[in-house]
Amino acid sequence: MTPHVIGIDGGGGHTSACLLNAQTGAILATGDAGPSNIHGVGLAEGAQAIVKALMWKERLFQQRFSAAYAALCPGDPVLHPSISLALGATRLALETLGIRPNSAWGSFSPPKQVGVGALSQGEETGDGICLSPASDDEAPSPANDTLARNRRIFEECRNLLTEQLHPEAKTLDRAEVGEILRLMNREDARVAPAVGKVLPQIAQAVEWVTETFRNGGRLFYAGAGTSGRLGCLDAAECPPTFGAPPHLVQPLIAGGVATLLRSREGAEDLEEDAPHDLDARGFAARDILVGLAASSRTPYVLSALGHAHRAGARTALVTCNPPKTPLESVDLLIAPVVGPEVVMGSTRLKAATAQKMILNMLTTASMIRMGKVYDGMMVDLQMSCGKLAERAKRIVMMLTGLEYEQAADLLRASGGSVKTALVMHFRECSAREAARLLDENEGFVRRAIEGYARES
C-alpha cells in the first residue's frame, strides 16, 4: 500500500491541502477543505495518510481532521511525523514548485501501518516518523478516541470549585452596572483571607526559592492562559525592581510568548511541549519549578511539574482547586480556596487575583531575603529609566539626609548603585571598598553598614 502525505496549511474555516505520494513526492491532488471536511482533497480510498500540518498542534483541528478522515477512509491509519512541522510545510511548498530538496526527506520510505487513528507519540522509526505502539485490534477510532477524551475532560472539570455557578450571579444579565460591580467587589474581598489561610505554605515556598537562589539555581514558572501570563508578568518585573539578572526568574507559558498578546487556549493541552521548554532553558535539579494552574489539571503544567520532579528539582503548585488526591510530582501545594467566580469558570477573576497575590509574595519575600531591600526600599533597583533614576536619588536622600545634588553626585561616584552609594556614605569609603563590604555581607546593606559600627 502506498502511503500519501496530506500537506495542510491555513486556519479558521478555510484550509488548503495537497496530497503527495510519499515515495516519489509527486502531487496527486490539491484542493480546499474546511477543518471538519477533507473531501475536497481528493483522497483515494485505501491510502495511508501521513499528516503534515502547521495546524496539527491545535487539538480541535486534530479531532475534526481525524474524525473526517475516519469517515472518508474508515480502514486507514493516520500517522503523525515527529519531525518539524515547519519542515514538512516547506517540503510541500518546494514540491509544489517542482523542487526536490536534497535532505533526508529525499530518501523517505513508507512506515509500517499502525492502528487506525493512533495519534499519540511512540517510538521513532528511522524515517523520522513517530508511530503509536497501538495495534490494529486495540486502537480506537479517532471519533471514539475523541469522545472518550472529551468525556474525561468533562468529568475532570464539572466538579471544580471555579466551575460552579455562583448563587448570586444567575440574574446578572438583568442587573444594573452598580449591582454587578458590587457583587464583584464583594467577591474580590474574599481573596485576601483565602490567601491568608495558605501563608504557611507560601512561607515554605519562599524558603525554598531563597535557598535555590543562594545555591545558584533559578525560579521557573509554568502556566497556561491567564496563569501563564501572570507568571510572565511577575518574572518580567524582577530585574527592574530588584536588580535581579533576567535569567533568575524565568516564565514558561503554553504556546510561547505569542500567547501573551493573543489567547491560544488549546495550547494548554500540549503537554509534550513542557519538557522541551524546560530542557531548552537547561532546567536542572538545582532549580525550582512553580506550576500555575487555577484548575490544578492543566496538562502543560502537570507535564512541566512531572519533568522537573524527575530531574530532581523541587516543585510547587499554585491552584484554586485543591486536587482530590496528592500529586506525586508536586512537593508543595499552595491552594487558596476562593470559590465560584462571578462568571462561571472565568478564572481570570478571583482565581487570577489570588495567584497574583501569591506570586507577589514569592518573589518579593525571596528578594528581601536576598538583601534586595533595605528599610522598606528597593535599594537594588536598576536606573534604567528617568523614573527609576529619580527614585534612586530619592532613596539615597531619605536614608542619608543628603540634598538632591549631593545624592546625585554620590550615585555617580558609586556607578549608579544605590547599595554601594549607601555603604560609601555610612562607611566613608570608596566605591571599591563599599562593593567589597557588600560582597562580604552577601549583598545586605544593613550588615555592611552595621558591621562597621560593631568594629568601631
Protein backbone atom coordinates (compact mmCIF):
# COMPACT_ATOMS: atom_id res chain seq x y z
CA MET A 1 0.00 0.00 0.00
CA THR A 2 1.44 3.35 -1.00
CA PRO A 3 1.42 5.96 1.78
CA HIS A 4 0.46 9.51 0.96
CA VAL A 5 1.24 12.83 2.57
CA ILE A 6 -1.51 15.37 3.18
CA GLY A 7 0.01 18.83 3.39
CA ILE A 8 -2.23 21.23 5.24
CA ASP A 9 -1.96 24.93 5.94
CA GLY A 10 -4.47 27.59 6.85
CA GLY A 11 -6.77 28.48 9.69
CA GLY A 12 -10.29 29.24 10.75
CA GLY A 13 -12.85 27.78 8.38
CA HIS A 14 -10.57 27.51 5.34
CA THR A 15 -7.77 25.02 4.79
CA SER A 16 -5.64 24.46 1.69
CA ALA A 17 -4.48 20.89 1.25
CA CYS A 18 -2.16 18.98 -1.04
CA LEU A 19 -1.91 15.19 -1.46
CA LEU A 20 1.52 13.75 -2.33
CA ASN A 21 2.88 10.29 -2.98
CA ALA A 22 5.27 9.75 -0.05
CA GLN A 23 7.71 7.70 -2.15
CA THR A 24 8.02 9.84 -5.24
CA GLY A 25 6.96 13.23 -3.94
CA ALA A 26 4.51 13.52 -6.81
CA ILE A 27 1.50 15.79 -6.26
CA LEU A 28 -1.61 13.68 -6.69
CA ALA A 29 -4.32 16.18 -5.81
CA THR A 30 -4.85 19.64 -4.42
CA GLY A 31 -7.92 21.30 -3.03
CA ASP A 32 -9.51 23.41 -0.36
CA ALA A 33 -11.23 22.00 2.69
CA GLY A 34 -12.65 23.23 5.95
CA PRO A 35 -11.16 21.86 9.18
CA SER A 36 -14.01 19.36 9.50
CA ASN A 37 -14.33 18.47 5.80
CA ILE A 38 -11.42 16.98 3.85
CA HIS A 39 -13.39 15.53 0.94
CA GLY A 40 -12.11 18.27 -1.35
CA VAL A 41 -8.57 16.92 -1.07
CA GLY A 42 -9.36 14.06 -3.46
CA LEU A 43 -8.09 11.14 -1.36
CA ALA A 44 -8.11 7.73 -2.95
CA GLU A 45 -9.75 5.00 -0.92
CA GLY A 46 -7.28 2.76 0.87
CA ALA A 47 -4.43 5.28 1.14
CA GLN A 48 -2.43 5.70 4.29
CA ALA A 49 -2.32 9.31 5.46
CA ILE A 50 0.72 10.94 7.00
CA VAL A 51 -0.42 14.27 8.29
CA LYS A 52 1.89 17.24 7.89
CA ALA A 53 0.09 20.27 9.17
CA LEU A 54 1.14 23.56 10.66
CA MET A 55 -2.17 23.40 12.49
CA TRP A 56 -1.64 19.89 13.85
CA LYS A 57 -0.89 21.04 17.41
CA GLU A 58 -4.33 22.59 17.61
CA ARG A 59 -6.30 19.94 19.47
CA LEU A 60 -9.61 20.92 17.94
CA PHE A 61 -8.11 20.60 14.47
CA GLN A 62 -6.75 17.16 15.35
CA GLN A 63 -10.17 16.00 16.45
CA ARG A 64 -12.03 17.33 13.44
CA PHE A 65 -9.48 16.18 10.90
CA SER A 66 -9.20 12.69 12.38
CA ALA A 67 -12.95 12.25 12.58
CA ALA A 68 -13.41 13.46 9.00
CA TYR A 69 -10.64 11.24 7.67
CA ALA A 70 -12.04 8.21 9.51
CA ALA A 71 -15.44 8.83 7.94
CA LEU A 72 -13.89 9.10 4.48
CA CYS A 73 -11.42 6.22 4.79
CA PRO A 74 -12.58 4.16 7.81
CA GLY A 75 -9.92 1.47 7.45
CA ASP A 76 -6.87 3.70 7.18
CA PRO A 77 -4.41 4.90 9.83
CA VAL A 78 -3.37 8.49 10.43
CA LEU A 79 0.29 8.91 11.28
CA HIS A 80 1.94 11.91 12.89
CA PRO A 81 5.57 12.69 11.95
CA SER A 82 7.65 13.83 14.91
CA ILE A 83 9.98 15.96 12.82
CA SER A 84 9.50 19.68 12.42
CA LEU A 85 6.07 20.60 11.12
CA ALA A 86 7.57 23.71 9.59
CA LEU A 87 10.00 21.49 7.67
CA GLY A 88 7.09 19.48 6.38
CA ALA A 89 5.27 22.58 5.20
CA THR A 90 8.45 23.77 3.48
CA ARG A 91 8.79 20.43 1.72
CA LEU A 92 5.27 20.73 0.38
CA ALA A 93 5.90 24.25 -0.87
CA LEU A 94 9.07 23.12 -2.65
CA GLU A 95 7.29 20.13 -4.13
CA THR A 96 4.59 22.40 -5.48
CA LEU A 97 7.30 24.41 -7.26
CA GLY A 98 8.86 21.24 -8.64
CA ILE A 99 11.97 21.47 -6.44
CA ARG A 100 13.26 18.32 -4.74
CA PRO A 101 15.20 19.25 -1.55
CA ASN A 102 18.46 17.41 -1.02
CA SER A 103 17.81 16.19 2.51
CA ALA A 104 16.75 13.15 4.48
CA TRP A 105 13.30 13.65 3.03
CA GLY A 106 14.63 12.59 -0.38
CA SER A 107 15.07 9.04 0.91
CA PHE A 108 11.76 8.94 2.73
CA SER A 109 10.34 5.41 2.89
CA PRO A 110 6.84 4.33 3.89
CA PRO A 111 6.39 3.49 7.58
CA LYS A 112 4.70 0.33 8.66
CA GLN A 113 0.97 0.54 9.21
CA VAL A 114 -0.29 1.23 12.71
CA GLY A 115 -3.69 1.31 14.36
CA VAL A 116 -6.43 3.46 12.92
CA GLY A 117 -6.44 6.91 14.45
CA ALA A 118 -3.35 6.32 16.56
CA LEU A 119 -2.21 9.88 17.19
CA SER A 120 -0.14 9.53 20.35
CA GLN A 121 3.61 9.60 20.17
CA GLY A 122 5.51 6.32 20.45
CA GLU A 123 8.83 5.00 19.21
CA GLU A 124 10.53 6.87 16.42
CA THR A 125 11.49 4.96 13.30
CA GLY A 126 14.50 5.56 11.13
CA ASP A 127 12.29 7.53 8.77
CA GLY A 128 11.67 10.20 11.39
CA ILE A 129 8.09 9.04 11.76
CA CYS A 130 6.75 8.80 15.28
CA LEU A 131 4.31 5.90 15.42
CA SER A 132 1.91 4.84 18.10
CA PRO A 133 2.58 1.39 19.53
CA ALA A 134 -1.12 0.60 19.28
CA SER A 135 -2.14 -2.41 17.22
CA ASP A 136 -4.94 -2.54 14.69
CA ASP A 137 -7.10 -4.51 17.10
CA GLU A 138 -6.70 -2.38 20.18
CA ALA A 139 -6.56 1.13 18.70
CA PRO A 140 -9.84 3.05 18.91
CA SER A 141 -11.21 5.02 16.01
CA PRO A 142 -10.45 8.75 16.02
CA ALA A 143 -14.08 9.57 16.71
CA ASN A 144 -14.29 7.21 19.69
CA ASP A 145 -10.93 8.35 20.98
CA THR A 146 -12.02 11.98 20.81
CA LEU A 147 -15.32 11.22 22.53
CA ALA A 148 -13.57 9.41 25.36
CA ARG A 149 -11.11 12.25 25.82
CA ASN A 150 -13.84 14.87 25.84
CA ARG A 151 -15.83 12.89 28.40
CA ARG A 152 -12.78 12.62 30.63
CA ILE A 153 -12.20 16.38 30.49
CA PHE A 154 -15.88 16.97 31.21
CA GLU A 155 -15.74 14.80 34.31
CA GLU A 156 -12.50 16.42 35.48
CA CYS A 157 -13.93 19.93 35.21
CA ARG A 158 -17.56 19.57 36.24
CA ASN A 159 -16.82 19.46 39.98
CA LEU A 160 -14.07 22.07 40.14
CA LEU A 161 -14.88 24.88 42.58
CA THR A 162 -14.14 27.52 39.97
CA GLU A 163 -16.50 25.80 37.52
CA GLN A 164 -19.53 26.08 39.79
CA LEU A 165 -22.31 28.62 39.26
CA HIS A 166 -22.23 31.49 41.73
CA PRO A 167 -25.61 31.61 43.51
CA GLU A 168 -25.84 35.40 43.24
CA ALA A 169 -24.89 35.56 39.57
CA LYS A 170 -27.94 33.96 37.97
CA THR A 171 -29.64 37.28 37.23
CA LEU A 172 -26.55 39.36 36.45
CA ASP A 173 -27.56 39.65 32.80
CA ARG A 174 -30.54 41.71 34.01
CA ALA A 175 -28.66 43.65 36.70
CA GLU A 176 -27.64 47.30 36.69
CA VAL A 177 -23.96 48.12 36.37
CA GLY A 178 -23.70 49.14 40.01
CA GLU A 179 -25.13 45.82 41.15
CA ILE A 180 -22.66 43.89 39.00
CA LEU A 181 -19.73 45.86 40.37
CA ARG A 182 -20.82 45.50 43.98
CA LEU A 183 -21.01 41.73 43.63
CA MET A 184 -17.58 41.61 42.02
CA ASN A 185 -16.18 43.81 44.76
CA ARG A 186 -17.66 41.60 47.49
CA GLU A 187 -16.21 38.53 45.85
CA ASP A 188 -12.78 40.12 45.43
CA ALA A 189 -12.79 40.85 49.16
CA ARG A 190 -12.78 37.08 49.76
CA VAL A 191 -9.45 36.61 48.03
CA ALA A 192 -7.05 38.07 50.62
CA PRO A 193 -8.47 35.99 53.51
CA ALA A 194 -8.25 32.88 51.33
CA VAL A 195 -4.60 33.63 50.59
CA GLY A 196 -4.03 34.32 54.27
CA LYS A 197 -5.01 30.74 55.09
CA VAL A 198 -2.17 29.35 53.00
CA LEU A 199 0.58 31.66 54.28
CA PRO A 200 2.47 28.73 55.91
CA GLN A 201 2.72 27.03 52.52
CA ILE A 202 3.78 30.28 50.84
CA ALA A 203 6.43 30.77 53.53
CA GLN A 204 7.82 27.31 52.81
CA ALA A 205 7.96 28.14 49.11
CA VAL A 206 9.83 31.38 49.87
CA GLU A 207 12.40 29.46 51.89
CA TRP A 208 12.89 27.04 49.02
CA VAL A 209 13.18 29.81 46.42
CA THR A 210 15.68 31.71 48.57
CA GLU A 211 17.75 28.58 49.10
CA THR A 212 17.62 27.93 45.36
CA PHE A 213 18.91 31.43 44.58
CA ARG A 214 21.74 31.12 47.08
CA ASN A 215 22.80 27.82 45.58
CA GLY A 216 22.98 29.28 42.09
CA GLY A 217 19.62 27.95 40.93
CA ARG A 218 16.70 29.67 39.25
CA LEU A 219 12.96 30.02 39.78
CA PHE A 220 10.76 28.83 36.92
CA TYR A 221 7.05 29.43 36.49
CA ALA A 222 4.96 27.19 34.23
CA GLY A 223 1.41 28.12 33.30
CA ALA A 224 -1.14 28.42 30.53
CA GLY A 225 -3.59 31.16 29.67
CA THR A 226 -4.13 33.71 32.43
CA SER A 227 -1.97 31.77 34.88
CA GLY A 228 0.91 31.71 32.42
CA ARG A 229 0.59 35.43 31.75
CA LEU A 230 0.74 36.16 35.47
CA GLY A 231 3.96 34.18 35.70
CA CYS A 232 5.41 36.18 32.81
CA LEU A 233 4.37 39.44 34.45
CA ASP A 234 5.97 38.58 37.77
CA ALA A 235 9.19 37.39 36.16
CA ALA A 236 9.43 40.49 33.96
CA GLU A 237 9.19 42.80 36.98
CA CYS A 238 12.08 41.25 38.93
CA PRO A 239 15.03 42.77 37.02
CA PRO A 240 13.95 46.43 37.18
CA THR A 241 12.55 46.20 40.72
CA PHE A 242 15.26 44.16 42.41
CA GLY A 243 18.21 44.36 40.04
CA ALA A 244 17.93 40.60 39.52
CA PRO A 245 19.51 39.15 36.38
CA PRO A 246 16.84 38.24 33.79
CA HIS A 247 17.68 34.55 33.97
CA LEU A 248 16.98 34.31 37.71
CA VAL A 249 13.18 34.14 37.37
CA GLN A 250 12.01 32.55 34.13
CA PRO A 251 8.43 32.04 32.96
CA LEU A 252 7.13 29.29 30.71
CA ILE A 253 3.76 29.79 29.06
CA ALA A 254 1.99 27.18 26.97
CA GLY A 255 2.06 28.19 23.33
CA GLY A 256 5.04 30.52 23.71
CA VAL A 257 5.34 34.28 24.04
CA ALA A 258 2.79 34.91 21.28
CA THR A 259 0.05 33.84 23.71
CA LEU A 260 0.81 36.85 25.89
CA LEU A 261 -0.99 39.09 23.41
CA ARG A 262 -3.38 36.67 21.76
CA SER A 263 -5.04 33.86 23.67
CA ARG A 264 -4.45 30.35 22.39
CA GLU A 265 -6.41 28.24 24.84
CA GLY A 266 -5.72 24.94 23.06
CA ALA A 267 -2.04 25.35 23.92
CA GLU A 268 -2.69 24.22 27.49
CA ASP A 269 -3.28 20.69 26.20
CA LEU A 270 0.19 20.47 24.62
CA GLU A 271 1.74 18.54 27.47
CA GLU A 272 4.53 17.31 25.22
CA ASP A 273 5.84 20.89 24.90
CA ALA A 274 6.61 21.42 28.57
CA PRO A 275 9.64 19.10 28.87
CA HIS A 276 11.12 20.61 25.70
CA ASP A 277 10.58 24.14 27.04
CA LEU A 278 12.36 23.28 30.28
CA ASP A 279 15.20 21.44 28.59
CA ALA A 280 15.74 24.37 26.22
CA ARG A 281 16.49 26.51 29.28
CA GLY A 282 18.81 24.00 30.87
CA PHE A 283 16.49 23.21 33.75
CA ALA A 284 18.31 21.15 36.38
CA ALA A 285 17.98 19.74 39.88
CA ARG A 286 19.29 22.92 41.49
CA ASP A 287 16.38 24.94 40.04
CA ILE A 288 12.81 25.13 41.35
CA LEU A 289 9.57 24.99 39.39
CA VAL A 290 6.29 26.60 40.47
CA GLY A 291 3.31 25.43 38.45
CA LEU A 292 0.41 27.85 37.99
CA ALA A 293 -2.95 26.25 37.23
CA ALA A 294 -6.23 27.55 38.62
CA SER A 295 -7.87 24.21 37.84
CA SER A 296 -4.96 22.02 39.08
CA ARG A 297 -5.39 19.84 35.95
CA THR A 298 -3.78 21.83 33.12
CA PRO A 299 -1.88 19.23 31.03
CA TYR A 300 1.02 21.57 30.13
CA VAL A 301 1.58 22.49 33.78
CA LEU A 302 1.32 18.94 35.10
CA SER A 303 3.76 17.80 32.44
CA ALA A 304 6.23 20.53 33.46
CA LEU A 305 5.91 19.54 37.11
CA GLY A 306 6.48 15.89 36.28
CA HIS A 307 9.57 16.69 34.22
CA ALA A 308 11.00 18.91 36.95
CA HIS A 309 10.30 16.29 39.61
CA ARG A 310 12.06 13.60 37.58
CA ALA A 311 15.03 15.96 37.21
CA GLY A 312 15.32 16.03 41.00
CA ALA A 313 14.20 19.65 41.43
CA ARG A 314 11.75 20.95 43.99
CA THR A 315 8.26 21.68 42.74
CA ALA A 316 5.24 23.63 43.93
CA LEU A 317 1.75 24.10 42.50
CA VAL A 318 -0.37 27.22 42.95
CA THR A 319 -4.03 26.42 42.31
CA CYS A 320 -7.51 27.42 43.46
CA ASN A 321 -8.85 23.88 43.12
CA PRO A 322 -7.11 21.53 45.57
CA PRO A 323 -6.72 18.14 43.87
CA LYS A 324 -8.66 15.31 45.47
CA THR A 325 -5.56 13.14 45.69
CA PRO A 326 -1.94 14.26 46.19
CA LEU A 327 0.06 14.77 43.02
CA GLU A 328 3.27 12.77 43.08
CA SER A 329 5.16 15.40 41.13
CA VAL A 330 4.19 18.25 43.50
CA ASP A 331 6.32 18.72 46.62
CA LEU A 332 4.33 21.69 47.92
CA LEU A 333 0.70 22.57 47.28
CA ILE A 334 -0.47 26.18 47.64
CA ALA A 335 -4.24 26.13 47.22
CA PRO A 336 -6.28 29.15 48.34
CA VAL A 337 -10.00 28.40 48.03
CA VAL A 338 -11.72 31.43 46.51
CA GLY A 339 -14.95 29.70 45.46
CA PRO A 340 -17.08 30.12 42.33
CA GLU A 341 -16.40 33.03 40.01
CA VAL A 342 -18.98 35.74 39.28
CA VAL A 343 -18.91 34.43 35.71
CA MET A 344 -18.78 30.64 35.96
CA GLY A 345 -15.35 29.30 35.04
CA SER A 346 -13.78 32.70 34.39
CA THR A 347 -10.63 32.15 36.43
CA ARG A 348 -9.19 35.44 35.19
CA LEU A 349 -11.19 36.91 38.11
CA LYS A 350 -10.75 35.77 41.73
CA ALA A 351 -8.51 32.83 40.96
CA ALA A 352 -6.14 35.04 39.00
CA THR A 353 -6.16 37.67 41.73
CA ALA A 354 -5.20 35.02 44.29
CA GLN A 355 -2.40 33.74 42.08
CA LYS A 356 -1.08 37.26 41.51
CA MET A 357 -1.01 37.92 45.25
CA ILE A 358 0.90 34.70 45.85
CA LEU A 359 3.43 35.42 43.12
CA ASN A 360 3.93 38.90 44.58
CA MET A 361 4.75 37.27 47.90
CA LEU A 362 7.03 34.59 46.45
CA THR A 363 9.40 36.90 44.62
CA THR A 364 9.16 39.93 46.92
CA ALA A 365 9.83 37.96 50.10
CA SER A 366 12.57 35.96 48.40
CA MET A 367 14.26 39.11 47.12
CA ILE A 368 14.06 40.69 50.57
CA ARG A 369 15.74 37.57 51.96
CA MET A 370 18.43 38.03 49.34
CA GLY A 371 19.25 41.56 50.54
CA LYS A 372 17.46 43.42 47.77
CA VAL A 373 15.51 45.66 50.17
CA TYR A 374 16.70 47.98 52.95
CA ASP A 375 14.42 49.94 55.26
CA GLY A 376 11.47 49.07 53.03
CA MET A 377 13.13 50.47 49.89
CA MET A 378 14.27 48.77 46.68
CA VAL A 379 17.96 49.51 47.03
CA ASP A 380 18.96 47.16 44.22
CA LEU A 381 16.77 48.77 41.55
CA GLN A 382 18.17 49.38 38.09
CA MET A 383 18.33 53.02 37.00
CA SER A 384 17.08 52.07 33.54
CA CYS A 385 14.68 54.98 33.01
CA GLY A 386 14.09 58.51 34.24
CA LYS A 387 11.57 57.47 36.86
CA LEU A 388 13.84 54.85 38.42
CA ALA A 389 16.85 57.16 38.28
CA GLU A 390 14.95 59.80 40.24
CA ARG A 391 13.63 57.20 42.66
CA ALA A 392 17.20 56.11 43.32
CA LYS A 393 18.14 59.69 44.19
CA ARG A 394 15.15 60.00 46.50
CA ILE A 395 16.04 56.75 48.28
CA VAL A 396 19.58 57.99 48.88
CA MET A 397 18.26 61.34 50.10
CA MET A 398 15.76 59.72 52.50
CA LEU A 399 18.30 57.33 54.00
CA THR A 400 21.25 59.72 54.23
CA GLY A 401 19.74 63.17 54.66
CA LEU A 402 21.68 64.45 51.66
CA GLU A 403 20.35 67.12 49.31
CA TYR A 404 19.35 66.37 45.72
CA GLU A 405 22.64 67.33 44.07
CA GLN A 406 24.68 65.58 46.76
CA ALA A 407 22.67 62.38 46.28
CA ALA A 408 23.16 62.63 42.51
CA ASP A 409 26.94 63.06 42.93
CA LEU A 410 27.12 60.11 45.31
CA LEU A 411 25.22 57.88 42.89
CA ARG A 412 27.54 58.87 40.07
CA ALA A 413 30.55 58.02 42.21
CA SER A 414 29.00 54.65 43.09
CA GLY A 415 28.50 53.71 39.47
CA GLY A 416 24.74 54.05 39.72
CA SER A 417 24.34 51.55 42.57
CA VAL A 418 22.12 52.66 45.44
CA LYS A 419 23.55 49.95 47.68
CA THR A 420 27.11 51.00 47.00
CA ALA A 421 26.22 54.67 47.49
CA LEU A 422 24.70 53.99 50.90
CA VAL A 423 27.68 51.98 52.13
CA MET A 424 30.06 54.63 50.78
CA HIS A 425 28.19 57.29 52.73
CA PHE A 426 27.89 55.49 56.05
CA ARG A 427 31.28 53.78 55.96
CA GLU A 428 33.00 56.86 54.48
CA CYS A 429 34.81 54.65 51.99
CA SER A 430 35.45 54.33 48.27
CA ALA A 431 33.15 52.61 45.83
CA ARG A 432 35.54 49.68 45.57
CA GLU A 433 35.66 49.23 49.35
CA ALA A 434 31.86 49.52 49.57
CA ALA A 435 31.47 46.84 46.93
CA ARG A 436 33.84 44.58 48.86
CA LEU A 437 31.90 45.06 52.08
CA LEU A 438 28.63 44.30 50.33
CA ASP A 439 30.12 41.16 48.83
CA GLU A 440 31.37 40.01 52.25
CA ASN A 441 27.87 40.53 53.65
CA GLU A 442 26.02 38.73 50.83
CA GLY A 443 24.63 41.99 49.45
CA PHE A 444 22.87 43.09 52.65
CA VAL A 445 23.24 46.84 53.15
CA ARG A 446 22.40 46.73 56.85
CA ARG A 447 25.05 44.13 57.58
CA ALA A 448 27.67 46.05 55.61
CA ILE A 449 26.90 49.25 57.49
CA GLU A 450 26.36 47.81 60.97
CA GLY A 451 29.48 45.67 60.68
CA TYR A 452 31.48 48.91 60.71
CA ALA A 453 29.58 50.12 63.79
CA ARG A 454 30.43 46.91 65.67
CA GLU A 455 34.08 47.06 64.61
CA SER A 456 34.49 50.62 65.86
